[in-house]
C-alpha atoms as a PDB file:
ATOM      1  CA  MET A   1     104.920 110.724 109.285  1.00  0.00           C
ATOM      2  CA  THR A   2     107.057 107.703 107.486  1.00  0.00           C
ATOM      3  CA  GLN A   3     109.805 109.107 105.629  1.00  0.00           C
ATOM      4  CA  LEU A   4     111.800 106.988 102.797  1.00  0.00           C
ATOM      5  CA  PRO A   5     112.663 103.816 104.379  1.00  0.00           C
ATOM      6  CA  ARG A   6     116.294 102.885 105.042  1.00  0.00           C
ATOM      7  CA  PHE A   7     117.470  99.680 103.921  1.00  0.00           C
ATOM      8  CA  THR A   8     119.060  97.583 106.876  1.00  0.00           C
ATOM      9  CA  PRO A   9     121.158  94.308 106.675  1.00  0.00           C
ATOM     10  CA  ALA A  10     118.604  92.706 109.205  1.00  0.00           C
ATOM     11  CA  LEU A  11     116.239  92.230 105.858  1.00  0.00           C
ATOM     12  CA  LEU A  12     118.704  89.973 104.506  1.00  0.00           C
ATOM     13  CA  HIS A  13     118.283  87.452 107.253  1.00  0.00           C
ATOM     14  CA  PRO A  14     117.393  83.811 106.123  1.00  0.00           C
ATOM     15  CA  ARG A  15     113.709  84.156 107.482  1.00  0.00           C
ATOM     16  CA  TYR A  16     113.112  86.691 104.514  1.00  0.00           C
ATOM     17  CA  TRP A  17     114.677  84.580 102.004  1.00  0.00           C
ATOM     18  CA  LEU A  18     111.275  82.988 100.589  1.00  0.00           C
ATOM     19  CA  THR A  19     109.857  86.815 100.526  1.00  0.00           C
ATOM     20  CA  TRP A  20     112.752  87.893  98.730  1.00  0.00           C
ATOM     21  CA  LEU A  21     112.330  84.938  96.265  1.00  0.00           C
ATOM     22  CA  GLY A  22     108.648  86.328  95.758  1.00  0.00           C
ATOM     23  CA  ILE A  23     109.780  89.713  95.297  1.00  0.00           C
ATOM     24  CA  GLY A  24     112.250  88.629  92.474  1.00  0.00           C
ATOM     25  CA  ALA A  25     109.822  86.638  90.516  1.00  0.00           C
ATOM     26  CA  LEU A  26     107.262  89.592  90.785  1.00  0.00           C
ATOM     27  CA  TRP A  27     110.180  91.989  89.501  1.00  0.00           C
ATOM     28  CA  LEU A  28     110.721  89.639  86.594  1.00  0.00           C
ATOM     29  CA  VAL A  29     107.207  88.998  85.619  1.00  0.00           C
ATOM     30  CA  VAL A  30     106.392  92.720  85.392  1.00  0.00           C
ATOM     31  CA  LEU A  31     109.372  93.298  83.007  1.00  0.00           C
ATOM     32  CA  LEU A  32     107.324  91.561  80.544  1.00  0.00           C
ATOM     33  CA  PRO A  33     104.958  93.628  77.925  1.00  0.00           C
ATOM     34  CA  TYR A  34     101.743  94.840  79.335  1.00  0.00           C
ATOM     35  CA  PRO A  35      99.217  92.544  76.767  1.00  0.00           C
ATOM     36  CA  LEU A  36     101.196  89.717  77.765  1.00  0.00           C
ATOM     37  CA  LEU A  37     100.723  90.793  81.590  1.00  0.00           C
ATOM     38  CA  LEU A  38      96.993  91.281  81.041  1.00  0.00           C
ATOM     39  CA  ARG A  39      96.642  87.646  80.116  1.00  0.00           C
ATOM     40  CA  ILE A  40      98.910  86.297  82.971  1.00  0.00           C
ATOM     41  CA  GLY A  41      96.833  88.082  85.492  1.00  0.00           C
ATOM     42  CA  ARG A  42      93.589  86.894  84.197  1.00  0.00           C
ATOM     43  CA  LEU A  43      94.826  83.292  84.568  1.00  0.00           C
ATOM     44  CA  ILE A  44      96.162  84.037  88.116  1.00  0.00           C
ATOM     45  CA  GLY A  45      92.582  85.276  88.816  1.00  0.00           C
ATOM     46  CA  HIS A  46      90.741  82.208  87.687  1.00  0.00           C
ATOM     47  CA  LEU A  47      93.569  80.290  89.642  1.00  0.00           C
ATOM     48  CA  ALA A  48      92.550  82.350  92.753  1.00  0.00           C
ATOM     49  CA  LEU A  49      89.016  81.678  92.105  1.00  0.00           C
ATOM     50  CA  ARG A  50      89.681  77.984  92.508  1.00  0.00           C
ATOM     51  CA  VAL A  51      91.930  78.190  95.373  1.00  0.00           C
ATOM     52  CA  MET A  52      90.370  81.053  97.429  1.00  0.00           C
ATOM     53  CA  LYS A  53      87.047  79.807  98.005  1.00  0.00           C
ATOM     54  CA  ARG A  54      86.366  81.566 101.231  1.00  0.00           C
ATOM     55  CA  ARG A  55      87.128  84.788  99.636  1.00  0.00           C
ATOM     56  CA  ALA A  56      85.092  83.926  96.550  1.00  0.00           C
ATOM     57  CA  SER A  57      82.252  83.140  98.902  1.00  0.00           C
ATOM     58  CA  ILE A  58      82.901  86.638 100.710  1.00  0.00           C
ATOM     59  CA  ALA A  59      82.822  88.295  97.392  1.00  0.00           C
ATOM     60  CA  SER A  60      79.665  86.844  96.135  1.00  0.00           C
ATOM     61  CA  ARG A  61      77.816  87.375  99.420  1.00  0.00           C
ATOM     62  CA  ASN A  62      78.792  91.128  99.397  1.00  0.00           C
ATOM     63  CA  ILE A  63      77.426  91.430  95.720  1.00  0.00           C
ATOM     64  CA  GLU A  64      74.500  89.585  96.835  1.00  0.00           C
ATOM     65  CA  LEU A  65      73.949  92.265  99.681  1.00  0.00           C
ATOM     66  CA  CYS A  66      74.691  95.431  97.699  1.00  0.00           C
ATOM     67  CA  PHE A  67      72.798  94.260  94.400  1.00  0.00           C
ATOM     68  CA  PRO A  68      69.922  92.131  95.399  1.00  0.00           C
ATOM     69  CA  GLU A  69      68.425  92.796  91.852  1.00  0.00           C
ATOM     70  CA  LEU A  70      70.994  90.762  90.275  1.00  0.00           C
ATOM     71  CA  ASP A  71      69.973  87.019  89.700  1.00  0.00           C
ATOM     72  CA  GLU A  72      72.588  84.055  90.583  1.00  0.00           C
ATOM     73  CA  LYS A  73      73.966  84.167  86.883  1.00  0.00           C
ATOM     74  CA  ALA A  74      74.653  87.700  86.747  1.00  0.00           C
ATOM     75  CA  ARG A  75      76.388  87.497  90.414  1.00  0.00           C
ATOM     76  CA  ARG A  76      78.488  84.596  89.061  1.00  0.00           C
ATOM     77  CA  GLU A  77      79.638  86.641  85.945  1.00  0.00           C
ATOM     78  CA  LEU A  78      80.642  89.574  88.187  1.00  0.00           C
ATOM     79  CA  VAL A  79      82.646  87.431  90.751  1.00  0.00           C
ATOM     80  CA  VAL A  80      84.490  85.770  87.847  1.00  0.00           C
ATOM     81  CA  LYS A  81      85.344  89.025  86.270  1.00  0.00           C
ATOM     82  CA  ASN A  82      86.282  90.474  89.761  1.00  0.00           C
ATOM     83  CA  PHE A  83      88.720  87.746  90.329  1.00  0.00           C
ATOM     84  CA  GLU A  84      90.459  88.163  87.008  1.00  0.00           C
ATOM     85  CA  SER A  85      90.951  91.939  88.603  1.00  0.00           C
ATOM     86  CA  VAL A  86      92.385  90.176  91.799  1.00  0.00           C
ATOM     87  CA  GLY A  87      95.057  88.711  89.464  1.00  0.00           C
ATOM     88  CA  MET A  88      95.690  91.888  87.870  1.00  0.00           C
ATOM     89  CA  GLY A  89      95.811  93.631  91.042  1.00  0.00           C
ATOM     90  CA  PHE A  90      98.750  91.579  92.196  1.00  0.00           C
ATOM     91  CA  LEU A  91     100.751  92.251  89.053  1.00  0.00           C
ATOM     92  CA  GLU A  92      99.694  95.946  89.341  1.00  0.00           C
ATOM     93  CA  THR A  93     101.011  96.174  92.666  1.00  0.00           C
ATOM     94  CA  GLY A  94     104.359  95.219  90.912  1.00  0.00           C
ATOM     95  CA  MET A  95     103.951  97.574  88.055  1.00  0.00           C
ATOM     96  CA  ALA A  96     103.398 100.230  90.671  1.00  0.00           C
ATOM     97  CA  TRP A  97     106.294  99.623  92.620  1.00  0.00           C
ATOM     98  CA  PHE A  98     109.050  98.606  90.094  1.00  0.00           C
ATOM     99  CA  TRP A  99     107.893 100.294  86.559  1.00  0.00           C
ATOM    100  CA  PRO A 100     109.727 103.544  85.646  1.00  0.00           C
ATOM    101  CA  ASN A 101     107.627 106.666  85.445  1.00  0.00           C
ATOM    102  CA  TRP A 102     107.776 106.748  81.525  1.00  0.00           C
ATOM    103  CA  ARG A 103     106.380 103.231  81.411  1.00  0.00           C
ATOM    104  CA  ILE A 104     103.464 104.089  83.814  1.00  0.00           C
ATOM    105  CA  GLU A 105     102.610 107.060  81.830  1.00  0.00           C
ATOM    106  CA  ARG A 106     102.555 105.401  78.594  1.00  0.00           C
ATOM    107  CA  TRP A 107      99.700 103.002  79.740  1.00  0.00           C
ATOM    108  CA  PHE A 108      97.572 105.798  81.512  1.00  0.00           C
ATOM    109  CA  THR A 109      95.543 108.532  80.530  1.00  0.00           C
ATOM    110  CA  VAL A 110      94.540 111.187  82.831  1.00  0.00           C
ATOM    111  CA  LYS A 111      91.362 113.278  83.159  1.00  0.00           C
ATOM    112  CA  GLY A 112      90.600 116.195  85.622  1.00  0.00           C
ATOM    113  CA  LEU A 113      93.886 117.443  86.580  1.00  0.00           C
ATOM    114  CA  GLU A 114      92.165 120.851  86.520  1.00  0.00           C
ATOM    115  CA  ASN A 115      90.192 119.781  89.687  1.00  0.00           C
ATOM    116  CA  ILE A 116      93.328 119.787  91.899  1.00  0.00           C
ATOM    117  CA  LYS A 117      94.335 123.242  91.081  1.00  0.00           C
ATOM    118  CA  ALA A 118      90.863 124.550  91.567  1.00  0.00           C
ATOM    119  CA  ILE A 119      91.281 123.346  95.230  1.00  0.00           C
ATOM    120  CA  GLN A 120      94.834 124.740  95.587  1.00  0.00           C
ATOM    121  CA  GLU A 121      93.736 128.030  94.399  1.00  0.00           C
ATOM    122  CA  GLN A 122      91.625 128.179  97.420  1.00  0.00           C
ATOM    123  CA  HIS A 123      94.637 127.133  99.565  1.00  0.00           C
ATOM    124  CA  ARG A 124      92.998 124.273 100.909  1.00  0.00           C
ATOM    125  CA  GLY A 125      94.001 120.717 101.724  1.00  0.00           C
ATOM    126  CA  ILE A 126      92.838 117.752  99.515  1.00  0.00           C
ATOM    127  CA  LEU A 127      91.507 114.756 101.087  1.00  0.00           C
ATOM    128  CA  LEU A 128      92.082 112.473  98.180  1.00  0.00           C
ATOM    129  CA  LEU A 129      89.238 109.699  98.267  1.00  0.00           C
ATOM    130  CA  GLY A 130      90.864 106.609  97.235  1.00  0.00           C
ATOM    131  CA  VAL A 131      88.264 103.814  96.949  1.00  0.00           C
ATOM    132  CA  HIS A 132      89.518 100.280  97.390  1.00  0.00           C
ATOM    133  CA  PHE A 133      89.823  99.248  93.954  1.00  0.00           C
ATOM    134  CA  LEU A 134      92.091  96.460  93.000  1.00  0.00           C
ATOM    135  CA  THR A 135      94.035  99.009  91.012  1.00  0.00           C
ATOM    136  CA  LEU A 136      94.881 101.102  93.916  1.00  0.00           C
ATOM    137  CA  GLU A 137      98.516 100.744  93.982  1.00  0.00           C
ATOM    138  CA  LEU A 138      98.872 101.662  90.385  1.00  0.00           C
ATOM    139  CA  GLY A 139      96.482 104.712  91.012  1.00  0.00           C
ATOM    140  CA  ALA A 140      98.364 106.092  93.672  1.00  0.00           C
ATOM    141  CA  ARG A 141     101.631 105.861  91.666  1.00  0.00           C
ATOM    142  CA  ILE A 142     100.014 107.627  88.761  1.00  0.00           C
ATOM    143  CA  PHE A 143      98.494 110.229  90.804  1.00  0.00           C
ATOM    144  CA  GLY A 144     101.729 110.801  92.685  1.00  0.00           C
ATOM    145  CA  ILE A 145     103.608 111.408  89.597  1.00  0.00           C
ATOM    146  CA  ASN A 146     101.075 114.293  88.569  1.00  0.00           C
ATOM    147  CA  GLU A 147     100.850 115.658  91.899  1.00  0.00           C
ATOM    148  CA  PRO A 148     102.872 113.945  94.955  1.00  0.00           C
ATOM    149  CA  GLY A 149     100.771 113.865  98.258  1.00  0.00           C
ATOM    150  CA  ILE A 150     100.819 111.742 101.355  1.00  0.00           C
ATOM    151  CA  GLY A 151      99.520 108.203 101.637  1.00  0.00           C
ATOM    152  CA  VAL A 152      97.605 106.710 104.456  1.00  0.00           C
ATOM    153  CA  TYR A 153      98.577 103.148 105.208  1.00  0.00           C
ATOM    154  CA  ARG A 154      98.555 100.291 107.655  1.00  0.00           C
ATOM    155  CA  PRO A 155     102.086  99.212 108.382  1.00  0.00           C
ATOM    156  CA  ASN A 156     102.786  95.433 107.204  1.00  0.00           C
ATOM    157  CA  ASP A 157     103.753  92.913 109.951  1.00  0.00           C
ATOM    158  CA  ASN A 158     106.319  91.679 107.735  1.00  0.00           C
ATOM    159  CA  PRO A 159     109.496  94.185 108.096  1.00  0.00           C
ATOM    160  CA  LEU A 160     110.552  93.461 104.687  1.00  0.00           C
ATOM    161  CA  LEU A 161     107.085  93.774 102.878  1.00  0.00           C
ATOM    162  CA  ASP A 162     106.741  97.002 105.159  1.00  0.00           C
ATOM    163  CA  TRP A 163     109.881  98.432 103.607  1.00  0.00           C
ATOM    164  CA  LEU A 164     109.074  97.569 100.279  1.00  0.00           C
ATOM    165  CA  GLN A 165     105.535  98.847 100.348  1.00  0.00           C
ATOM    166  CA  THR A 166     106.661 101.980 101.674  1.00  0.00           C
ATOM    167  CA  TRP A 167     109.488 102.215  99.301  1.00  0.00           C
ATOM    168  CA  GLY A 168     107.301 101.478  96.390  1.00  0.00           C
ATOM    169  CA  ARG A 169     104.683 103.797  97.385  1.00  0.00           C
ATOM    170  CA  MET A 170     107.043 106.702  98.147  1.00  0.00           C
ATOM    171  CA  ARG A 171     108.450 106.609  94.699  1.00  0.00           C
ATOM    172  CA  SER A 172     106.141 109.306  93.399  1.00  0.00           C
ATOM    173  CA  ASN A 173     104.928 110.385  96.799  1.00  0.00           C
ATOM    174  CA  LYS A 174     106.048 112.757  99.802  1.00  0.00           C
ATOM    175  CA  SER A 175     105.578 110.202 102.737  1.00  0.00           C
ATOM    176  CA  MET A 176     103.167 107.960 104.528  1.00  0.00           C
ATOM    177  CA  ILE A 177     101.120 108.168 107.768  1.00  0.00           C
ATOM    178  CA  ASP A 178      99.756 105.437 109.571  1.00  0.00           C
ATOM    179  CA  ARG A 179      95.909 105.132 109.336  1.00  0.00           C
ATOM    180  CA  LYS A 180      95.537 105.534 113.106  1.00  0.00           C
ATOM    181  CA  ASP A 181      97.222 108.915 113.163  1.00  0.00           C
ATOM    182  CA  LEU A 182      94.205 111.106 112.681  1.00  0.00           C
ATOM    183  CA  LYS A 183      96.136 114.138 114.096  1.00  0.00           C
ATOM    184  CA  GLY A 184      99.013 113.774 111.597  1.00  0.00           C
ATOM    185  CA  MET A 185      96.348 113.614 108.714  1.00  0.00           C
ATOM    186  CA  ILE A 186      94.668 116.920 110.032  1.00  0.00           C
ATOM    187  CA  LYS A 187      97.957 118.754 110.295  1.00  0.00           C
ATOM    188  CA  ALA A 188      98.992 117.508 106.816  1.00  0.00           C
ATOM    189  CA  LEU A 189      95.641 118.994 105.421  1.00  0.00           C
ATOM    190  CA  LYS A 190      95.749 122.201 107.136  1.00  0.00           C
ATOM    191  CA  LYS A 191      99.196 122.914 105.332  1.00  0.00           C
ATOM    192  CA  GLY A 192      97.342 122.457 102.071  1.00  0.00           C
ATOM    193  CA  GLU A 193      98.744 118.812 101.450  1.00  0.00           C
ATOM    194  CA  VAL A 194      97.013 115.905  99.478  1.00  0.00           C
ATOM    195  CA  VAL A 195      96.139 113.224 101.579  1.00  0.00           C
ATOM    196  CA  TRP A 196      95.025 109.828 100.195  1.00  0.00           C
ATOM    197  CA  TYR A 197      92.301 108.411 102.315  1.00  0.00           C
ATOM    198  CA  ALA A 198      89.889 105.230 101.741  1.00  0.00           C
ATOM    199  CA  PRO A 199      86.824 105.176 104.101  1.00  0.00           C
ATOM    200  CA  ASP A 200      84.863 102.413 102.466  1.00  0.00           C
ATOM    201  CA  HIS A 201      86.053  99.370 104.351  1.00  0.00           C
ATOM    202  CA  ASP A 202      84.957  97.991 107.660  1.00  0.00           C
ATOM    203  CA  TYR A 203      87.464  98.769 110.356  1.00  0.00           C
ATOM    204  CA  GLY A 204      85.578  97.724 113.118  1.00  0.00           C
ATOM    205  CA  PRO A 205      83.212  98.949 115.820  1.00  0.00           C
ATOM    206  CA  ARG A 206      85.388 101.526 117.392  1.00  0.00           C
ATOM    207  CA  ALA A 207      84.827 105.131 115.901  1.00  0.00           C
ATOM    208  CA  SER A 208      82.173 103.760 113.414  1.00  0.00           C
ATOM    209  CA  VAL A 209      78.559 104.740 112.791  1.00  0.00           C
ATOM    210  CA  PHE A 210      75.891 102.661 110.801  1.00  0.00           C
ATOM    211  CA  VAL A 211      74.608 103.992 107.583  1.00  0.00           C
ATOM    212  CA  PRO A 212      73.490 102.798 104.256  1.00  0.00           C
ATOM    213  CA  PHE A 213      75.768 101.352 101.684  1.00  0.00           C
ATOM    214  CA  PHE A 214      74.254 100.284  98.485  1.00  0.00           C
ATOM    215  CA  ALA A 215      71.238  97.976  99.536  1.00  0.00           C
ATOM    216  CA  VAL A 216      72.439  97.437 103.083  1.00  0.00           C
ATOM    217  CA  GLU A 217      70.954  99.719 105.343  1.00  0.00           C
ATOM    218  CA  GLN A 218      73.398  99.437 108.370  1.00  0.00           C
ATOM    219  CA  ALA A 219      76.885  99.234 107.133  1.00  0.00           C
ATOM    220  CA  ALA A 220      79.632 100.050 109.691  1.00  0.00           C
ATOM    221  CA  THR A 221      81.350 103.199 108.386  1.00  0.00           C
ATOM    222  CA  THR A 222      84.409 105.117 109.798  1.00  0.00           C
ATOM    223  CA  ALA A 223      83.586 108.432 111.458  1.00  0.00           C
ATOM    224  CA  GLY A 224      87.109 109.574 110.469  1.00  0.00           C
ATOM    225  CA  THR A 225      85.898 111.200 107.295  1.00  0.00           C
ATOM    226  CA  TRP A 226      83.648 113.755 109.721  1.00  0.00           C
ATOM    227  CA  MET A 227      86.550 114.421 111.987  1.00  0.00           C
ATOM    228  CA  LEU A 228      89.016 115.148 108.997  1.00  0.00           C
ATOM    229  CA  THR A 229      86.930 117.499 107.008  1.00  0.00           C
ATOM    230  CA  LYS A 230      85.119 119.281 109.979  1.00  0.00           C
ATOM    231  CA  THR A 231      88.476 120.030 111.652  1.00  0.00           C
ATOM    232  CA  SER A 232      90.945 120.555 108.528  1.00  0.00           C
ATOM    233  CA  GLY A 233      88.420 122.436 106.497  1.00  0.00           C
ATOM    234  CA  ALA A 234      89.907 120.293 103.295  1.00  0.00           C
ATOM    235  CA  ALA A 235      88.011 119.784 100.110  1.00  0.00           C
ATOM    236  CA  ILE A 236      87.205 116.111  99.015  1.00  0.00           C
ATOM    237  CA  LEU A 237      88.322 114.880  95.556  1.00  0.00           C
ATOM    238  CA  PRO A 238      87.069 111.473  94.728  1.00  0.00           C
ATOM    239  CA  PHE A 239      89.352 109.816  92.128  1.00  0.00           C
ATOM    240  CA  VAL A 240      88.872 106.384  90.135  1.00  0.00           C
ATOM    241  CA  PRO A 241      91.902 104.604  88.733  1.00  0.00           C
ATOM    242  CA  ARG A 242      90.381 101.812  86.467  1.00  0.00           C
ATOM    243  CA  ARG A 243      91.504  99.349  83.804  1.00  0.00           C
ATOM    244  CA  LYS A 244      90.075 100.001  80.308  1.00  0.00           C
ATOM    245  CA  ALA A 245      87.968  97.371  79.394  1.00  0.00           C
ATOM    246  CA  ASP A 246      89.494  96.781  75.902  1.00  0.00           C
ATOM    247  CA  GLY A 247      92.792  96.099  77.569  1.00  0.00           C
ATOM    248  CA  SER A 248      94.542  99.419  76.156  1.00  0.00           C
ATOM    249  CA  GLY A 249      95.742 100.334  79.535  1.00  0.00           C
ATOM    250  CA  TYR A 250      94.360 102.856  82.210  1.00  0.00           C
ATOM    251  CA  GLU A 251      92.444 106.126  83.129  1.00  0.00           C
ATOM    252  CA  MET A 252      92.803 108.008  86.078  1.00  0.00           C
ATOM    253  CA  ILE A 253      89.574 110.190  86.536  1.00  0.00           C
ATOM    254  CA  LEU A 254      89.481 112.669  89.167  1.00  0.00           C
ATOM    255  CA  MET A 255      86.078 113.722  89.750  1.00  0.00           C
ATOM    256  CA  GLU A 256      84.295 116.994  90.687  1.00  0.00           C
ATOM    257  CA  PRO A 257      85.737 118.123  94.203  1.00  0.00           C
ATOM    258  CA  GLU A 258      83.332 118.675  97.159  1.00  0.00           C
ATOM    259  CA  PHE A 259      84.122 122.065  98.584  1.00  0.00           C
ATOM    260  CA  ASN A 260      81.605 121.962 101.336  1.00  0.00           C
ATOM    261  CA  PRO A 261      80.919 118.171 102.413  1.00  0.00           C
ATOM    262  CA  PRO A 262      78.022 118.022 105.097  1.00  0.00           C
ATOM    263  CA  VAL A 263      79.419 117.861 108.491  1.00  0.00           C
ATOM    264  CA  ASP A 264      76.769 118.022 110.862  1.00  0.00           C
ATOM    265  CA  ASP A 265      77.548 115.011 112.708  1.00  0.00           C
ATOM    266  CA  ALA A 266      79.724 111.924 112.005  1.00  0.00           C
ATOM    267  CA  GLN A 267      76.499 109.641 110.859  1.00  0.00           C
ATOM    268  CA  THR A 268      75.595 112.572 108.257  1.00  0.00           C
ATOM    269  CA  THR A 269      79.008 112.618 106.851  1.00  0.00           C
ATOM    270  CA  ALA A 270      79.388 108.827 106.502  1.00  0.00           C
ATOM    271  CA  ALA A 271      76.059 108.469 104.847  1.00  0.00           C
ATOM    272  CA  TRP A 272      76.943 111.240 102.361  1.00  0.00           C
ATOM    273  CA  MET A 273      80.498 109.595 101.892  1.00  0.00           C
ATOM    274  CA  ASN A 274      78.854 106.170 101.142  1.00  0.00           C
ATOM    275  CA  LYS A 275      77.112 107.588  98.132  1.00  0.00           C
ATOM    276  CA  VAL A 276      80.248 109.093  96.848  1.00  0.00           C
ATOM    277  CA  VAL A 277      81.972 105.687  97.164  1.00  0.00           C
ATOM    278  CA  GLU A 278      78.895 104.032  95.344  1.00  0.00           C
ATOM    279  CA  ARG A 279      79.245 106.441  92.417  1.00  0.00           C
ATOM    280  CA  CYS A 280      83.134 105.487  92.262  1.00  0.00           C
ATOM    281  CA  VAL A 281      82.526 101.869  92.560  1.00  0.00           C
ATOM    282  CA  MET A 282      79.784 101.854  89.693  1.00  0.00           C
ATOM    283  CA  MET A 283      82.386 103.364  87.358  1.00  0.00           C
ATOM    284  CA  ALA A 284      84.481  99.986  87.596  1.00  0.00           C
ATOM    285  CA  PRO A 285      82.338  97.596  89.684  1.00  0.00           C
ATOM    286  CA  ASP A 286      84.297  94.296  88.508  1.00  0.00           C
ATOM    287  CA  GLN A 287      87.449  96.064  90.017  1.00  0.00           C
ATOM    288  CA  TYR A 288      86.389  96.807  93.393  1.00  0.00           C
ATOM    289  CA  MET A 289      87.646  94.739  96.404  1.00  0.00           C
ATOM    290  CA  TRP A 290      84.783  92.720  96.980  1.00  0.00           C
ATOM    291  CA  LEU A 291      86.694  90.016  98.930  1.00  0.00           C
ATOM    292  CA  HIS A 292      86.766  92.157 101.775  1.00  0.00           C
ATOM    293  CA  ARG A 293      84.385  91.390 104.595  1.00  0.00           C
ATOM    294  CA  ARG A 294      82.756  94.984 104.275  1.00  0.00           C
ATOM    295  CA  PHE A 295      79.979  94.002 106.467  1.00  0.00           C
ATOM    296  CA  LYS A 296      81.495  92.009 109.166  1.00  0.00           C
ATOM    297  CA  THR A 297      80.588  94.600 112.076  1.00  0.00           C
ATOM    298  CA  ARG A 298      76.999  94.378 112.852  1.00  0.00           C
ATOM    299  CA  PRO A 299      74.547  96.439 115.433  1.00  0.00           C
ATOM    300  CA  GLU A 300      74.048  94.745 118.475  1.00  0.00           C
ATOM    301  CA  GLY A 301      71.951  91.679 118.318  1.00  0.00           C
ATOM    302  CA  VAL A 302      71.885  91.629 114.305  1.00  0.00           C
ATOM    303  CA  PRO A 303      72.654  88.254 112.837  1.00  0.00           C
ATOM    304  CA  ASP A 304      76.218  87.808 111.174  1.00  0.00           C
ATOM    305  CA  ARG A 305      76.201  88.500 107.336  1.00  0.00           C
ATOM    306  CA  TYR A 306      78.485  85.686 106.401  1.00  0.00           C
END
C-alpha cells in the first residue's frame, strides 16, 4: 500500500520544470469561479477534438460499436459532447487535487450514503465500482470526503506526476494500492475497507475473459472482479459521479449495493459486471471515457476493431 508521499528535492530537478509550469498553470486556472471553468473546459474540449484526431476516431468507433442503432449525426453529436467532457475532465482533475473540501462540497449533491451503512452493518468490505467517467478524480475526492477508502491506481512513469496524483488522491482517502496488487486489495476488503475499483477498461489478454459489453459480443474484461469478490466476500457498490446538464455542479449517486454477486466462474462474474457498468454509463454517456481503446484485445483470429 502507498502511504502519503514524501516530497523530495529530486522533484525540483530542471527536467521537471516544464511539468511544474503546467501544474502551476492548472492550480491558477482552478482558482476561477466554477461557471467560468465550465466554459473554459468546453473550449479546451473543442480544441482537443481538433488536435487529438486519433483519439476522436477511437471515441467515434467505440460509440459506433456499442450503439449501432445511432446514425452518423447522433454519433457525431455524442463525440462532440464527450470531448467537451474531456476538456472539463482536465480541469476537474485540478479541482479534485487542489480545491478545499468546502468548495468541493458546495458544488456536489450526494445521494445514497445509506447504502454504505447497509454494507458496513454486515461487517463486510466494499468494492466500490468506479466506472471510468471523465469526472473520476472529482468523484473519488467527494466520496473520500464522505467515507475515506483505498484507491486502486497505476503508478505514473513521471515521478513528479506520480507524487502529485498520489498526494491529490490521498487528500480525502486513506491510501493507494497498485492495480496489480490483488492480494493487497483482498486483504483490505477482508478488513472491511472501501476499495475503489474500475473493471471497465481493456487491460490486455492476461487474466481477461471475453464477454458482452453493450453491442460488442466479445469484449476483453478483467477476471479480477471474480477473484476479489469470491475471495474477500465483499459487497459491490456502484457509484456514478456526474456533471449536471444544467451547469449547476455535480451529483454523486451511490446505487443499490449487490451483496451476492454471481461468482460461479470468471466469465459469469465479468458478464454480470459489464451489465452493471452499462447501467452506470447510461446515466451519463457523454461523460464516459470513450477515447480509450476498449476493444483493442481480440480473440485469436478476430480482426482488429480499429
